[in-house]
Structures are given as structure tokens and as C-alpha cells.
């Protein structure tokens, strides 16, 4: 069985900017309709038949998206990105520092996100730029479908129940926090 990435909402253009237009197949509609994503040469298909590696830490329930799956579904933005598998130690360090980083510099759309992190499931994606910069992209969801452990799940709209954090491993700092709004 092959894999599929499901994105919902009207703000697909954010990924077009981040990953490159060839990686995003947009839908002209709005709301919570699914939008399939993949690289320009191969469209995405159905869910993985194997669950992603699970991360279970105090207050954290998450999965790590395998690099081969991330590359097939998210593309490489014309060779600008490759994918790597974040280790448990990398995720533990990130999660230990995350509340204080968010408290110090909270996102405007969700000032108390740092205090609510234990309400969110996570999907971790390791991305690396051509210049060697490694980024841990963490998708946060307070509500997930049953198959969230074997499918990349990205939601646009849906309010602050969904957010994405881009974290630079070398500099040990958050690059961006995207908190969803409502359409």
C-alpha cells in the first residue's frame, strides 16, 4: 500500500512558499476539504500500511515520519530539501526546551501555547537544506483522525487546535510557529 498526505483548508499557499509550488497541489475551494500533496512527478496515494515510530515522553504523544515517506509526499522543493530521521534524544531535547522557548516568545495567535502543549499530539519531520541546516518540523494537533500514526496529517484552518513549529537544531531556536486560524 502506498502513502498519502492529507491537508485541509484554504491556506495551502503557505506550503507552496515553504516547500515550493511543485510540491503543493492546491484546491480552489475553502474549508476543511482534503488537498493531496506530493512532488510534481508522483501524486500521493493512500496511507502507509505500517505505523510511524512512536515517541512517548511525559506529556508528549507523537510519531516520527520516516524520511522516505516524507520525501515522497512532501517533495524536495527542486533539490533544496532532503529528509532525515530525528532520534529520540533529539526530540527529547526539543520537547524539554519547547515550553520555555514558547513562553519567552509566544506566538501572537496562541500566547498560552506553551502551557497547553500536553493537549497536542505531534508528528515530527526531519528536514535538511542543501546548506546543511537541519530543521525539526513539528505538527501539533489537539484533534487527530484514527490513522494519524501512519499518515502525515497537516491541517490549515481549524483554529488553534493545529499548529506547526519549525526548529533549527544547530542554533537551538524556533524559526517559525504557525498557529492555524479559521477560514
N, C-alpha and C. Protein backbone atom coordinates (compact mmCIF):
# COMPACT_ATOMS: atom_id res chain seq x y z
N UNK A 1 0.85 -1.17 0.00
CA UNK A 1 0.00 0.00 0.00
C UNK A 1 0.90 1.23 0.00
N UNK A 2 0.57 2.25 -0.76
CA UNK A 2 1.37 3.47 -0.79
C UNK A 2 0.81 4.49 0.19
N UNK A 3 1.45 5.66 0.28
CA UNK A 3 1.14 6.63 1.32
C UNK A 3 0.37 7.83 0.79
N UNK A 4 -0.17 8.61 1.74
CA UNK A 4 -0.88 9.83 1.38
C UNK A 4 -0.73 10.86 2.49
N UNK A 5 -0.61 12.09 2.08
CA UNK A 5 -0.61 13.23 2.98
C UNK A 5 -1.94 13.92 2.81
N UNK A 6 -2.61 14.21 3.88
CA UNK A 6 -3.87 14.93 3.81
C UNK A 6 -3.68 16.31 4.42
N UNK A 7 -4.02 17.34 3.65
CA UNK A 7 -4.05 18.70 4.17
C UNK A 7 -5.47 19.19 3.98
N UNK A 8 -5.95 19.97 4.93
CA UNK A 8 -7.26 20.55 4.78
C UNK A 8 -7.18 22.05 4.93
N UNK A 9 -8.09 22.76 4.31
CA UNK A 9 -8.19 24.19 4.48
C UNK A 9 -7.83 24.99 3.25
N UNK A 10 -7.86 26.30 3.42
CA UNK A 10 -7.70 27.21 2.30
C UNK A 10 -6.30 27.79 2.19
N UNK A 11 -5.43 27.58 3.16
CA UNK A 11 -4.14 28.25 3.17
C UNK A 11 -3.01 27.37 2.65
N UNK A 12 -3.26 26.62 1.62
CA UNK A 12 -2.27 25.74 1.04
C UNK A 12 -1.07 26.52 0.52
N UNK A 13 -1.25 27.79 0.19
CA UNK A 13 -0.17 28.63 -0.31
C UNK A 13 1.00 28.74 0.65
N UNK A 14 0.78 28.56 1.96
CA UNK A 14 1.88 28.59 2.92
C UNK A 14 2.88 27.50 2.58
N UNK A 15 2.40 26.30 2.30
CA UNK A 15 3.31 25.22 1.93
C UNK A 15 3.93 25.47 0.58
N UNK A 16 3.22 26.10 -0.32
CA UNK A 16 3.81 26.41 -1.62
C UNK A 16 5.02 27.31 -1.43
N UNK A 17 4.93 28.23 -0.50
CA UNK A 17 6.05 29.13 -0.21
C UNK A 17 7.18 28.38 0.46
N UNK A 18 6.86 27.52 1.44
CA UNK A 18 7.88 26.82 2.20
C UNK A 18 8.52 25.71 1.41
N UNK A 19 7.72 24.88 0.72
CA UNK A 19 8.24 23.71 0.04
C UNK A 19 8.40 23.89 -1.46
N UNK A 20 7.87 24.93 -2.00
CA UNK A 20 7.94 25.14 -3.44
C UNK A 20 6.63 24.77 -4.09
N UNK A 21 6.27 25.52 -5.09
CA UNK A 21 4.97 25.35 -5.72
C UNK A 21 4.78 23.97 -6.30
N UNK A 22 5.84 23.31 -6.76
CA UNK A 22 5.67 21.99 -7.35
C UNK A 22 5.29 20.94 -6.32
N UNK A 23 5.52 21.22 -5.04
CA UNK A 23 5.20 20.26 -4.00
C UNK A 23 3.75 20.34 -3.56
N UNK A 24 3.04 21.36 -3.96
CA UNK A 24 1.68 21.57 -3.45
C UNK A 24 0.68 21.52 -4.58
N UNK A 25 -0.33 20.71 -4.40
CA UNK A 25 -1.44 20.66 -5.34
C UNK A 25 -2.63 21.29 -4.63
N UNK A 26 -2.95 22.51 -5.01
CA UNK A 26 -3.98 23.27 -4.30
C UNK A 26 -5.37 22.97 -4.85
N UNK A 27 -6.35 23.17 -4.01
CA UNK A 27 -7.75 23.07 -4.35
C UNK A 27 -8.31 24.49 -4.33
N UNK A 28 -9.12 24.83 -5.27
CA UNK A 28 -9.63 26.19 -5.34
C UNK A 28 -10.65 26.48 -4.25
N UNK A 29 -11.13 25.47 -3.55
CA UNK A 29 -12.17 25.67 -2.54
C UNK A 29 -11.62 26.13 -1.21
N UNK A 30 -12.50 26.24 -0.24
CA UNK A 30 -12.12 26.65 1.09
C UNK A 30 -12.66 25.63 2.08
N UNK A 31 -12.35 25.81 3.35
CA UNK A 31 -12.87 24.96 4.40
C UNK A 31 -11.97 23.78 4.67
N UNK A 32 -12.55 22.68 5.05
CA UNK A 32 -11.80 21.51 5.50
C UNK A 32 -11.71 20.41 4.46
N UNK A 33 -11.72 20.77 3.18
CA UNK A 33 -11.62 19.74 2.15
C UNK A 33 -10.18 19.29 1.99
N UNK A 34 -9.94 17.98 1.80
CA UNK A 34 -8.57 17.50 1.67
C UNK A 34 -7.90 17.99 0.41
N UNK A 35 -6.59 18.21 0.52
CA UNK A 35 -5.76 18.58 -0.61
C UNK A 35 -4.57 17.63 -0.62
N UNK A 36 -4.42 16.88 -1.69
CA UNK A 36 -3.32 15.93 -1.78
C UNK A 36 -2.03 16.66 -2.07
N UNK A 37 -0.95 16.18 -1.47
CA UNK A 37 0.36 16.79 -1.67
C UNK A 37 1.36 15.72 -2.05
N UNK A 38 2.25 16.04 -2.97
CA UNK A 38 3.33 15.15 -3.35
C UNK A 38 4.26 15.91 -4.26
N UNK A 39 5.35 15.28 -4.68
CA UNK A 39 6.21 16.02 -5.60
C UNK A 39 5.57 16.01 -6.97
N UNK A 40 6.10 16.83 -7.86
CA UNK A 40 5.43 17.05 -9.13
C UNK A 40 5.41 15.81 -10.02
N UNK A 41 6.28 14.84 -9.76
CA UNK A 41 6.33 13.68 -10.64
C UNK A 41 5.48 12.52 -10.15
N UNK A 42 5.09 12.52 -8.89
CA UNK A 42 4.31 11.39 -8.40
C UNK A 42 3.26 11.85 -7.41
N UNK A 43 2.00 11.71 -7.77
CA UNK A 43 0.94 12.11 -6.85
C UNK A 43 0.89 11.18 -5.64
N UNK A 44 0.38 11.71 -4.54
CA UNK A 44 0.26 10.92 -3.33
C UNK A 44 -0.93 9.97 -3.44
N UNK A 45 -0.86 8.87 -2.71
CA UNK A 45 -1.96 7.91 -2.72
C UNK A 45 -2.38 7.60 -1.29
N UNK A 46 -2.66 6.35 -0.94
CA UNK A 46 -3.27 6.06 0.36
C UNK A 46 -2.27 5.94 1.50
N UNK A 47 -2.78 5.67 2.71
CA UNK A 47 -1.98 5.66 3.94
C UNK A 47 -0.95 4.55 3.96
N UNK A 48 0.07 4.75 4.77
CA UNK A 48 1.11 3.74 4.97
C UNK A 48 0.49 2.54 5.68
N UNK A 49 0.95 1.35 5.34
CA UNK A 49 0.43 0.16 6.00
C UNK A 49 1.19 -0.15 7.28
N UNK A 50 2.18 0.66 7.61
CA UNK A 50 2.91 0.47 8.86
C UNK A 50 2.86 1.76 9.68
N UNK A 51 2.67 1.66 10.99
CA UNK A 51 2.65 2.87 11.81
C UNK A 51 4.04 3.52 11.85
N UNK A 52 4.07 4.83 11.99
CA UNK A 52 5.32 5.56 12.14
C UNK A 52 5.91 5.23 13.52
N UNK A 53 7.24 5.38 13.68
CA UNK A 53 7.84 5.17 15.02
C UNK A 53 7.20 6.10 16.05
N UNK A 54 6.86 5.54 17.19
CA UNK A 54 6.14 6.29 18.23
C UNK A 54 7.11 6.94 19.20
N UNK A 55 6.81 8.15 19.62
CA UNK A 55 7.55 8.88 20.66
C UNK A 55 6.59 9.07 21.82
N UNK A 56 6.96 8.54 22.96
CA UNK A 56 6.12 8.68 24.13
C UNK A 56 6.99 9.18 25.28
N UNK A 57 6.81 10.44 25.61
CA UNK A 57 7.53 11.09 26.70
C UNK A 57 6.50 11.65 27.66
N UNK A 58 6.89 12.03 28.87
CA UNK A 58 5.91 12.64 29.78
C UNK A 58 5.25 13.86 29.12
N UNK A 59 3.93 13.83 28.98
CA UNK A 59 3.18 14.93 28.39
C UNK A 59 3.27 15.01 26.88
N UNK A 60 3.89 14.01 26.24
CA UNK A 60 4.08 14.03 24.78
C UNK A 60 3.64 12.71 24.18
N UNK A 61 2.79 12.78 23.17
CA UNK A 61 2.42 11.61 22.38
C UNK A 61 2.64 11.99 20.93
N UNK A 62 3.61 11.34 20.28
CA UNK A 62 3.92 11.72 18.92
C UNK A 62 4.45 10.57 18.09
N UNK A 63 4.64 10.86 16.81
CA UNK A 63 5.22 9.91 15.87
C UNK A 63 6.27 10.63 15.03
N UNK A 64 7.23 9.85 14.55
CA UNK A 64 8.28 10.38 13.68
C UNK A 64 7.99 9.90 12.26
N UNK A 65 7.89 10.84 11.33
CA UNK A 65 7.61 10.49 9.93
C UNK A 65 8.91 10.00 9.29
N UNK A 66 8.92 8.77 8.76
CA UNK A 66 10.13 8.25 8.13
C UNK A 66 10.56 9.12 6.94
N UNK A 67 11.88 9.31 6.76
CA UNK A 67 12.38 10.20 5.71
C UNK A 67 11.93 9.81 4.30
N UNK A 68 11.88 8.51 4.01
CA UNK A 68 11.47 8.10 2.65
C UNK A 68 10.03 8.50 2.37
N UNK A 69 9.18 8.38 3.35
CA UNK A 69 7.78 8.78 3.20
C UNK A 69 7.67 10.30 3.07
N UNK A 70 8.38 11.03 3.91
CA UNK A 70 8.35 12.49 3.84
C UNK A 70 8.80 12.97 2.46
N UNK A 71 9.84 12.37 1.93
CA UNK A 71 10.33 12.79 0.61
C UNK A 71 9.32 12.51 -0.48
N UNK A 72 8.68 11.35 -0.44
CA UNK A 72 7.68 11.02 -1.46
C UNK A 72 6.49 11.96 -1.40
N UNK A 73 6.07 12.32 -0.20
CA UNK A 73 4.85 13.10 -0.03
C UNK A 73 5.07 14.61 -0.07
N UNK A 74 6.18 15.06 0.47
CA UNK A 74 6.41 16.49 0.58
C UNK A 74 7.33 17.02 -0.51
N UNK A 75 8.02 16.13 -1.21
CA UNK A 75 8.92 16.56 -2.27
C UNK A 75 10.20 17.16 -1.71
N UNK A 76 11.05 17.64 -2.60
CA UNK A 76 12.34 18.18 -2.19
C UNK A 76 12.50 19.65 -2.53
N UNK A 77 11.44 20.28 -3.03
CA UNK A 77 11.50 21.68 -3.45
C UNK A 77 12.68 21.87 -4.40
N UNK A 78 12.68 21.12 -5.48
CA UNK A 78 13.71 21.20 -6.52
C UNK A 78 15.10 20.91 -5.97
N UNK A 79 15.21 19.97 -5.07
CA UNK A 79 16.51 19.57 -4.51
C UNK A 79 16.99 20.41 -3.35
N UNK A 80 16.17 21.35 -2.88
CA UNK A 80 16.59 22.21 -1.77
C UNK A 80 16.47 21.51 -0.42
N UNK A 81 15.64 20.48 -0.32
CA UNK A 81 15.42 19.76 0.93
C UNK A 81 15.72 18.28 0.78
N UNK A 82 16.26 17.70 1.83
CA UNK A 82 16.29 16.25 2.00
C UNK A 82 15.69 15.98 3.38
N UNK A 83 15.49 14.73 3.70
CA UNK A 83 14.84 14.37 4.95
C UNK A 83 15.72 13.42 5.74
N UNK A 84 15.62 13.48 7.05
CA UNK A 84 16.38 12.63 7.96
C UNK A 84 15.47 12.19 9.08
N UNK A 85 15.87 11.14 9.78
CA UNK A 85 15.06 10.58 10.86
C UNK A 85 15.50 11.15 12.20
N UNK A 86 14.70 12.00 12.83
CA UNK A 86 15.06 12.55 14.14
C UNK A 86 15.16 11.44 15.18
N UNK A 87 16.19 11.49 16.00
CA UNK A 87 16.37 10.49 17.06
C UNK A 87 15.48 10.84 18.25
N UNK A 88 15.28 9.86 19.11
CA UNK A 88 14.52 10.09 20.34
C UNK A 88 15.22 11.15 21.18
N UNK A 89 16.56 11.12 21.23
CA UNK A 89 17.31 12.11 22.02
C UNK A 89 17.10 13.52 21.47
N UNK A 90 17.08 13.68 20.15
CA UNK A 90 16.84 14.99 19.54
C UNK A 90 15.46 15.51 19.92
N UNK A 91 14.48 14.64 19.85
CA UNK A 91 13.10 15.04 20.17
C UNK A 91 12.97 15.32 21.67
N UNK A 92 13.61 14.51 22.51
CA UNK A 92 13.56 14.76 23.95
C UNK A 92 14.12 16.13 24.29
N UNK A 93 15.25 16.50 23.70
CA UNK A 93 15.85 17.81 23.96
C UNK A 93 14.93 18.93 23.48
N UNK A 94 14.42 18.78 22.26
CA UNK A 94 13.49 19.77 21.72
C UNK A 94 12.29 19.94 22.65
N UNK A 95 11.67 18.84 23.04
CA UNK A 95 10.47 18.90 23.89
C UNK A 95 10.77 19.46 25.27
N UNK A 96 11.97 19.18 25.82
CA UNK A 96 12.34 19.72 27.13
C UNK A 96 12.47 21.24 27.08
N UNK A 97 12.98 21.77 25.97
CA UNK A 97 13.19 23.22 25.82
C UNK A 97 11.97 23.96 25.28
N UNK A 98 11.05 23.24 24.65
CA UNK A 98 9.94 23.88 23.95
C UNK A 98 9.08 24.79 24.83
N UNK A 99 8.61 24.35 25.99
CA UNK A 99 7.75 25.24 26.78
C UNK A 99 8.41 26.58 27.12
N UNK A 100 9.66 26.55 27.53
CA UNK A 100 10.32 27.80 27.90
C UNK A 100 10.56 28.68 26.68
N UNK A 101 10.87 28.08 25.52
CA UNK A 101 11.05 28.88 24.30
C UNK A 101 9.74 29.55 23.89
N UNK A 102 8.63 28.81 23.98
CA UNK A 102 7.34 29.39 23.61
C UNK A 102 6.86 30.42 24.64
N UNK A 103 7.17 30.19 25.89
CA UNK A 103 6.77 31.15 26.93
C UNK A 103 7.53 32.47 26.76
N UNK A 104 8.82 32.35 26.43
CA UNK A 104 9.66 33.54 26.24
C UNK A 104 9.24 34.35 25.02
N UNK A 105 8.83 33.65 23.96
CA UNK A 105 8.46 34.31 22.71
C UNK A 105 7.19 33.65 22.17
N UNK A 106 6.04 33.92 22.79
CA UNK A 106 4.80 33.22 22.42
C UNK A 106 4.26 33.69 21.06
N UNK A 107 3.65 32.77 20.32
CA UNK A 107 3.00 33.18 19.07
C UNK A 107 1.80 34.06 19.39
N UNK A 108 1.60 35.11 18.59
CA UNK A 108 0.51 36.06 18.84
C UNK A 108 -0.85 35.38 18.82
N UNK A 109 -1.01 34.38 17.96
CA UNK A 109 -2.31 33.73 17.81
C UNK A 109 -2.64 32.76 18.96
N UNK A 110 -1.63 32.42 19.75
CA UNK A 110 -1.86 31.45 20.84
C UNK A 110 -0.81 31.69 21.93
N UNK A 111 -0.98 32.76 22.69
CA UNK A 111 0.01 33.19 23.69
C UNK A 111 0.29 32.12 24.75
N UNK A 112 -0.69 31.31 25.07
CA UNK A 112 -0.53 30.30 26.12
C UNK A 112 -0.21 28.91 25.55
N UNK A 113 0.22 28.83 24.32
CA UNK A 113 0.53 27.53 23.71
C UNK A 113 1.51 26.73 24.58
N UNK A 114 2.49 27.41 25.14
CA UNK A 114 3.49 26.74 25.97
C UNK A 114 2.85 25.97 27.13
N UNK A 115 1.76 26.46 27.68
CA UNK A 115 1.11 25.83 28.83
C UNK A 115 0.12 24.74 28.42
N UNK A 116 -0.17 24.65 27.13
CA UNK A 116 -1.18 23.71 26.62
C UNK A 116 -0.59 22.58 25.80
N UNK A 117 0.73 22.49 25.75
CA UNK A 117 1.38 21.53 24.86
C UNK A 117 0.98 20.09 25.12
N UNK A 118 0.68 19.74 26.36
CA UNK A 118 0.32 18.35 26.65
C UNK A 118 -1.03 17.94 26.07
N UNK A 119 -1.78 18.89 25.51
CA UNK A 119 -3.06 18.59 24.86
C UNK A 119 -2.91 18.27 23.38
N UNK A 120 -1.69 18.35 22.87
CA UNK A 120 -1.45 18.19 21.42
C UNK A 120 -0.70 16.90 21.12
N UNK A 121 -1.16 16.18 20.10
CA UNK A 121 -0.40 15.07 19.52
C UNK A 121 0.62 15.69 18.57
N UNK A 122 1.73 14.99 18.32
CA UNK A 122 2.78 15.52 17.46
C UNK A 122 3.13 14.59 16.34
N UNK A 123 3.51 15.17 15.20
CA UNK A 123 4.13 14.45 14.09
C UNK A 123 5.42 15.21 13.77
N UNK A 124 6.56 14.51 13.89
CA UNK A 124 7.87 15.12 13.70
C UNK A 124 8.42 14.76 12.32
N UNK A 125 8.93 15.76 11.61
CA UNK A 125 9.56 15.57 10.30
C UNK A 125 10.93 16.21 10.34
N UNK A 126 11.99 15.45 10.04
CA UNK A 126 13.34 15.99 9.97
C UNK A 126 13.63 16.46 8.55
N UNK A 127 13.96 17.74 8.39
CA UNK A 127 14.25 18.30 7.06
C UNK A 127 15.64 18.92 7.09
N UNK A 128 16.36 18.81 5.97
CA UNK A 128 17.69 19.40 5.87
C UNK A 128 17.82 20.17 4.56
N UNK A 129 18.29 21.40 4.66
CA UNK A 129 18.52 22.23 3.48
C UNK A 129 19.86 21.84 2.85
N UNK A 130 20.04 22.25 1.60
CA UNK A 130 21.30 21.98 0.91
C UNK A 130 22.51 22.53 1.66
N UNK A 131 22.35 23.63 2.39
CA UNK A 131 23.46 24.21 3.13
C UNK A 131 23.77 23.47 4.43
N UNK A 132 23.06 22.37 4.69
CA UNK A 132 23.30 21.56 5.88
C UNK A 132 22.45 21.92 7.09
N UNK A 133 21.64 22.96 7.00
CA UNK A 133 20.79 23.34 8.12
C UNK A 133 19.73 22.27 8.35
N UNK A 134 19.73 21.72 9.56
CA UNK A 134 18.73 20.72 9.93
C UNK A 134 17.60 21.38 10.71
N UNK A 135 16.39 21.08 10.28
CA UNK A 135 15.20 21.65 10.88
C UNK A 135 14.29 20.51 11.33
N UNK A 136 13.80 20.61 12.55
CA UNK A 136 12.79 19.68 13.03
C UNK A 136 11.44 20.39 12.89
N UNK A 137 10.59 19.85 12.02
CA UNK A 137 9.26 20.40 11.81
C UNK A 137 8.29 19.55 12.63
N UNK A 138 7.56 20.21 13.51
CA UNK A 138 6.64 19.50 14.40
C UNK A 138 5.23 19.99 14.15
N UNK A 139 4.37 19.06 13.73
CA UNK A 139 2.96 19.37 13.53
C UNK A 139 2.23 19.03 14.82
N UNK A 140 1.53 20.00 15.39
CA UNK A 140 0.77 19.82 16.63
C UNK A 140 -0.71 19.76 16.31
N UNK A 141 -1.39 18.78 16.91
CA UNK A 141 -2.83 18.61 16.67
C UNK A 141 -3.53 18.25 17.98
N UNK A 142 -4.56 19.01 18.37
CA UNK A 142 -5.32 18.64 19.57
C UNK A 142 -6.43 17.64 19.22
N UNK A 143 -6.68 17.48 17.94
CA UNK A 143 -7.67 16.52 17.46
C UNK A 143 -7.08 15.83 16.23
N UNK A 144 -7.07 14.51 16.24
CA UNK A 144 -6.48 13.76 15.12
C UNK A 144 -7.41 12.64 14.67
N UNK A 145 -7.29 12.21 13.41
CA UNK A 145 -8.06 11.06 12.96
C UNK A 145 -7.44 9.77 13.52
N UNK A 146 -8.18 8.69 13.44
CA UNK A 146 -7.69 7.41 13.97
C UNK A 146 -6.38 6.96 13.35
N UNK A 147 -6.14 7.30 12.10
CA UNK A 147 -4.94 6.82 11.42
C UNK A 147 -3.78 7.82 11.44
N UNK A 148 -3.75 8.72 12.41
CA UNK A 148 -2.71 9.75 12.48
C UNK A 148 -1.32 9.18 12.68
N UNK A 149 -1.21 7.94 13.15
CA UNK A 149 0.11 7.34 13.38
C UNK A 149 0.70 6.69 12.13
N UNK A 150 -0.03 6.68 11.03
CA UNK A 150 0.52 6.14 9.79
C UNK A 150 0.16 6.99 8.57
N UNK A 151 -0.07 8.29 8.81
CA UNK A 151 -0.40 9.22 7.74
C UNK A 151 0.08 10.61 8.17
N UNK A 152 0.74 11.32 7.26
CA UNK A 152 1.09 12.70 7.57
C UNK A 152 -0.20 13.49 7.57
N UNK A 153 -0.41 14.24 8.63
CA UNK A 153 -1.67 14.96 8.82
C UNK A 153 -1.36 16.44 9.00
N UNK A 154 -1.69 17.25 8.00
CA UNK A 154 -1.48 18.69 8.05
C UNK A 154 -2.82 19.36 7.85
N UNK A 155 -3.17 20.26 8.76
CA UNK A 155 -4.45 20.94 8.71
C UNK A 155 -4.23 22.44 8.61
N UNK A 156 -4.91 23.08 7.69
CA UNK A 156 -4.97 24.53 7.64
C UNK A 156 -6.39 24.90 8.05
N UNK A 157 -6.54 26.04 8.63
CA UNK A 157 -7.79 26.46 9.26
C UNK A 157 -7.94 25.63 10.53
N UNK A 158 -9.13 25.39 11.00
CA UNK A 158 -9.34 24.57 12.18
C UNK A 158 -9.00 25.26 13.49
N UNK A 159 -8.55 26.50 13.42
CA UNK A 159 -8.24 27.25 14.64
C UNK A 159 -6.98 26.78 15.34
N UNK A 160 -6.78 27.25 16.56
CA UNK A 160 -5.55 26.97 17.29
C UNK A 160 -5.41 25.54 17.77
N UNK A 161 -6.32 24.69 17.36
CA UNK A 161 -6.20 23.27 17.63
C UNK A 161 -5.04 22.65 16.84
N UNK A 162 -4.55 23.38 15.85
CA UNK A 162 -3.48 22.88 14.98
C UNK A 162 -2.40 23.95 14.84
N UNK A 163 -1.14 23.53 14.92
CA UNK A 163 -0.01 24.45 14.78
C UNK A 163 1.18 23.67 14.23
N UNK A 164 2.14 24.41 13.69
CA UNK A 164 3.38 23.83 13.18
C UNK A 164 4.55 24.65 13.68
N UNK A 165 5.57 23.97 14.19
CA UNK A 165 6.77 24.63 14.70
C UNK A 165 7.96 24.19 13.86
N UNK A 166 8.74 25.17 13.38
CA UNK A 166 10.00 24.91 12.67
C UNK A 166 11.13 25.26 13.63
N UNK A 167 12.00 24.27 13.92
CA UNK A 167 13.05 24.42 14.92
C UNK A 167 14.42 24.14 14.31
N UNK A 168 15.35 25.07 14.44
CA UNK A 168 16.72 24.94 13.93
C UNK A 168 17.55 24.21 14.99
N UNK A 169 18.04 23.02 14.65
CA UNK A 169 18.76 22.22 15.63
C UNK A 169 20.12 22.80 16.00
N UNK A 170 20.85 23.32 15.03
CA UNK A 170 22.19 23.84 15.29
C UNK A 170 22.14 25.07 16.19
N UNK A 171 21.22 25.98 15.90
CA UNK A 171 21.10 27.21 16.68
C UNK A 171 20.24 27.03 17.93
N UNK A 172 19.58 25.89 18.03
CA UNK A 172 18.71 25.58 19.16
C UNK A 172 17.67 26.69 19.37
N UNK A 173 16.98 27.01 18.26
CA UNK A 173 15.97 28.07 18.36
C UNK A 173 14.81 27.79 17.40
N UNK A 174 13.66 28.34 17.75
CA UNK A 174 12.48 28.23 16.91
C UNK A 174 12.61 29.22 15.76
N UNK A 175 12.40 28.73 14.54
CA UNK A 175 12.42 29.59 13.36
C UNK A 175 11.05 30.21 13.12
N UNK A 176 10.01 29.39 13.22
CA UNK A 176 8.64 29.85 12.98
C UNK A 176 7.66 29.01 13.78
N UNK A 177 6.59 29.65 14.19
CA UNK A 177 5.43 28.96 14.75
C UNK A 177 4.22 29.41 13.97
N UNK A 178 3.57 28.47 13.31
CA UNK A 178 2.36 28.76 12.55
C UNK A 178 1.18 28.21 13.34
N UNK A 179 0.33 29.09 13.89
CA UNK A 179 -0.87 28.66 14.59
C UNK A 179 -2.03 28.87 13.62
N UNK A 180 -2.82 27.85 13.43
CA UNK A 180 -3.92 27.94 12.48
C UNK A 180 -4.98 28.94 12.94
N UNK A 181 -5.66 29.49 11.96
CA UNK A 181 -6.79 30.36 12.22
C UNK A 181 -8.06 29.69 11.72
N UNK A 182 -9.08 30.49 11.53
CA UNK A 182 -10.34 29.99 10.99
C UNK A 182 -10.56 30.59 9.62
N UNK A 183 -11.12 29.81 8.70
CA UNK A 183 -11.40 30.31 7.35
C UNK A 183 -12.52 31.30 7.36
